[in-house]
Protein backbone atom coordinates (compact mmCIF):
# COMPACT_ATOMS: atom_id res chain seq x y z
CA UNK A 1 -49.90 -37.72 18.51
CA UNK A 2 -48.79 -40.24 15.86
CA UNK A 3 -46.33 -37.75 14.42
CA UNK A 4 -44.71 -37.21 17.83
CA UNK A 5 -44.35 -40.97 18.31
CA UNK A 6 -42.82 -41.40 14.83
CA UNK A 7 -40.37 -38.58 15.46
CA UNK A 8 -39.34 -40.03 18.84
CA UNK A 9 -38.88 -43.50 17.29
CA UNK A 10 -36.78 -42.00 14.49
CA UNK A 11 -34.61 -40.12 17.00
CA UNK A 12 -34.12 -43.28 19.06
CA UNK A 13 -33.06 -45.29 16.01
CA UNK A 14 -30.74 -42.43 14.93
CA UNK A 15 -29.18 -42.42 18.38
CA UNK A 16 -28.70 -46.19 18.36
CA UNK A 17 -27.23 -46.39 14.86
CA UNK A 18 -25.38 -43.16 14.09
CA UNK A 19 -24.64 -41.48 17.40
CA UNK A 20 -23.35 -44.67 19.00
CA UNK A 21 -20.35 -44.40 16.65
CA UNK A 22 -19.33 -40.98 17.96
CA UNK A 23 -15.89 -40.83 19.53
CA UNK A 24 -15.23 -38.66 22.56
CA UNK A 25 -14.15 -35.07 21.85
CA UNK A 26 -10.89 -35.66 23.75
CA UNK A 27 -10.12 -38.52 21.37
CA UNK A 28 -11.23 -36.62 18.27
CA UNK A 29 -9.16 -33.54 19.21
CA UNK A 30 -6.15 -35.43 20.63
CA UNK A 31 -3.31 -33.01 19.92
CA UNK A 32 -0.68 -35.62 20.87
CA UNK A 33 -1.62 -37.73 17.83
CA UNK A 34 -1.24 -34.92 15.28
CA UNK A 35 1.68 -35.23 12.89
CA UNK A 36 2.49 -34.79 9.25
CA UNK A 37 2.42 -38.05 7.28
CA UNK A 38 5.78 -39.24 5.99
CA UNK A 39 4.49 -39.88 2.48
CA UNK A 40 1.49 -40.47 0.29
CA UNK A 41 1.18 -44.12 1.33
CA UNK A 42 0.96 -43.20 5.00
CA UNK A 43 -1.52 -40.40 4.24
CA UNK A 44 -3.78 -42.81 2.33
CA UNK A 45 -3.52 -45.36 5.15
CA UNK A 46 -4.46 -42.70 7.72
CA UNK A 47 -7.39 -41.47 5.65
CA UNK A 48 -8.65 -45.02 5.15
CA UNK A 49 -8.47 -45.88 8.85
CA UNK A 50 -9.60 -42.54 10.32
CA UNK A 51 -12.63 -42.14 8.05
CA UNK A 52 -13.94 -45.47 9.34
CA UNK A 53 -12.89 -44.89 12.94
CA UNK A 54 -14.28 -41.34 13.22
CA UNK A 55 -17.23 -41.82 10.82
CA UNK A 56 -19.79 -40.72 13.44
CA UNK A 57 -17.87 -37.53 14.18
CA UNK A 58 -17.46 -36.79 10.48
CA UNK A 59 -21.18 -37.32 9.92
CA UNK A 60 -21.88 -34.82 12.70
CA UNK A 61 -19.53 -32.32 11.05
CA UNK A 62 -21.40 -32.66 7.73
CA UNK A 63 -24.76 -32.23 9.52
CA UNK A 64 -23.59 -29.10 11.35
CA UNK A 65 -22.21 -27.62 8.13
CA UNK A 66 -25.50 -28.39 6.34
CA UNK A 67 -27.53 -26.64 9.04
CA UNK A 68 -25.13 -23.68 8.89
CA UNK A 69 -25.41 -23.51 5.09
CA UNK A 70 -29.21 -23.43 5.24
CA UNK A 71 -29.28 -20.83 8.02
CA UNK A 72 -26.91 -18.42 6.25
CA UNK A 73 -28.93 -18.66 3.03
CA UNK A 74 -32.33 -17.32 4.12
CA UNK A 75 -33.88 -17.54 0.63
CA UNK A 76 -33.02 -21.25 0.51
CA UNK A 77 -34.55 -21.72 3.94
CA UNK A 78 -37.72 -19.87 2.89
CA UNK A 79 -37.92 -21.80 -0.41
CA UNK A 80 -37.55 -25.18 1.26
CA UNK A 81 -40.07 -24.26 3.96
CA UNK A 82 -42.54 -22.95 1.34
CA UNK A 83 -42.32 -26.12 -0.76
CA UNK A 84 -42.43 -28.49 2.21
CA UNK A 85 -45.32 -26.74 3.95
CA UNK A 86 -47.11 -26.40 0.61
CA UNK A 87 -46.93 -30.16 0.02
CA UNK A 88 -48.13 -30.86 3.55
CA UNK A 89 -51.00 -28.37 3.30
CA UNK A 90 -52.14 -29.61 -0.12
CA UNK A 91 -52.06 -33.25 1.00
CA UNK A 92 -53.96 -32.46 4.18
CA UNK A 93 -56.54 -29.89 3.03
CA UNK A 94 -56.64 -30.02 -0.78
CA UNK A 95 -57.67 -33.60 -1.44
CA UNK A 96 -61.23 -32.71 -2.45
CA UNK A 97 -62.01 -30.20 -5.22
CA UNK A 98 -63.67 -27.00 -4.04
CA UNK A 99 -65.61 -24.25 -5.74
CA UNK A 100 -64.17 -20.72 -5.56
CA UNK A 101 -66.44 -18.34 -7.44
CA UNK A 102 -66.78 -19.68 -10.97
CA UNK A 103 -63.63 -21.85 -10.76
CA UNK A 104 -63.13 -25.35 -9.41
CA UNK A 105 -59.82 -25.68 -7.55
CA UNK A 106 -58.42 -29.21 -7.70
CA UNK A 107 -55.39 -30.79 -6.09
CA UNK A 108 -53.63 -30.74 -9.47
CA UNK A 109 -54.10 -26.96 -9.84
CA UNK A 110 -52.82 -26.43 -6.29
CA UNK A 111 -49.66 -28.42 -7.07
CA UNK A 112 -49.23 -26.46 -10.30
CA UNK A 113 -49.44 -23.18 -8.38
CA UNK A 114 -47.00 -24.46 -5.79
CA UNK A 115 -44.48 -25.41 -8.47
CA UNK A 116 -44.95 -22.18 -10.45
CA UNK A 117 -44.05 -20.16 -7.33
CA UNK A 118 -41.72 -22.58 -5.51
CA UNK A 119 -39.37 -23.72 -8.28
CA UNK A 120 -38.26 -20.20 -9.33
CA UNK A 121 -37.81 -19.32 -5.64
CA UNK A 122 -35.68 -22.42 -5.18
CA UNK A 123 -33.69 -21.67 -8.35
CA UNK A 124 -32.91 -18.13 -7.14
CA UNK A 125 -31.73 -19.44 -3.77
CA UNK A 126 -28.83 -21.28 -5.44
CA UNK A 127 -29.16 -24.78 -3.96
CA UNK A 128 -26.40 -26.19 -6.19
CA UNK A 129 -23.92 -23.59 -4.96
CA UNK A 130 -24.84 -24.43 -1.38
CA UNK A 131 -24.51 -28.16 -2.09
CA UNK A 132 -21.07 -27.80 -3.68
CA UNK A 133 -19.93 -25.53 -0.83
CA UNK A 134 -21.07 -28.20 1.61
CA UNK A 135 -19.20 -30.94 -0.29
CA UNK A 136 -16.04 -28.84 -0.52
CA UNK A 137 -16.02 -27.64 3.07
CA UNK A 138 -16.77 -31.13 4.40
CA UNK A 139 -14.09 -32.70 2.23
CA UNK A 140 -11.42 -30.24 3.32
CA UNK A 141 -12.23 -30.63 7.01
CA UNK A 142 -12.63 -34.41 6.99
CA UNK A 143 -9.65 -35.23 4.75
CA UNK A 144 -7.50 -32.70 6.61
CA UNK A 145 -8.33 -34.20 9.99
CA UNK A 146 -8.01 -37.79 8.78
CA UNK A 147 -4.62 -37.05 7.22
CA UNK A 148 -2.97 -35.40 10.21
CA UNK A 149 -4.29 -37.79 12.89
CA UNK A 150 -1.91 -40.67 13.55
CA UNK A 151 -3.35 -44.15 13.64
CA UNK A 152 -4.49 -45.25 17.09
CA UNK A 153 -3.10 -48.15 19.05
CA UNK A 154 -6.29 -50.13 18.30
CA UNK A 155 -5.36 -50.13 14.59
CA UNK A 156 -2.36 -52.32 15.40
CA UNK A 157 -4.58 -54.88 17.13
CA UNK A 158 -7.01 -54.97 14.20
CA UNK A 159 -4.43 -56.80 12.07
CA UNK A 160 -3.74 -59.30 14.89
CA UNK A 161 -7.44 -60.19 15.16
CA UNK A 162 -7.70 -60.61 11.38
CA UNK A 163 -4.75 -63.02 11.37
CA UNK A 164 -6.28 -65.29 14.03
């Protein structure tokens, strides 16, 4: 019951902090604001403004790409599940040493077995390749969108408020 309460509290705080910054899909996909920047200075200005303005949407894009990357790499999914569930099971059930035949199984030997099996599985699942794919795909999508989206009207008023 405690776990359910912690998860619900975490989701509420996530909703209040991260998801409150999401912009409406009609604003994020506003085709009337798409244009090619005139030069590098304008592109940098657009990227700077749009990455702050659409930060919630860009975070959602990264999260969706991360879930996709894990789903399409089943060995990575199995490796992560094996290691995570192994840690949970050892912490919950393996705290006390137990006798199995002539051998005493301790928490240290359980962790050693988990690492001996889990680390090679994780290595074979290519987590670095998945990570760099995620960084590259996210960068292309986010920088591409931020570059082609014109600055909104509210960006003009931001400088007026700063001057006052």
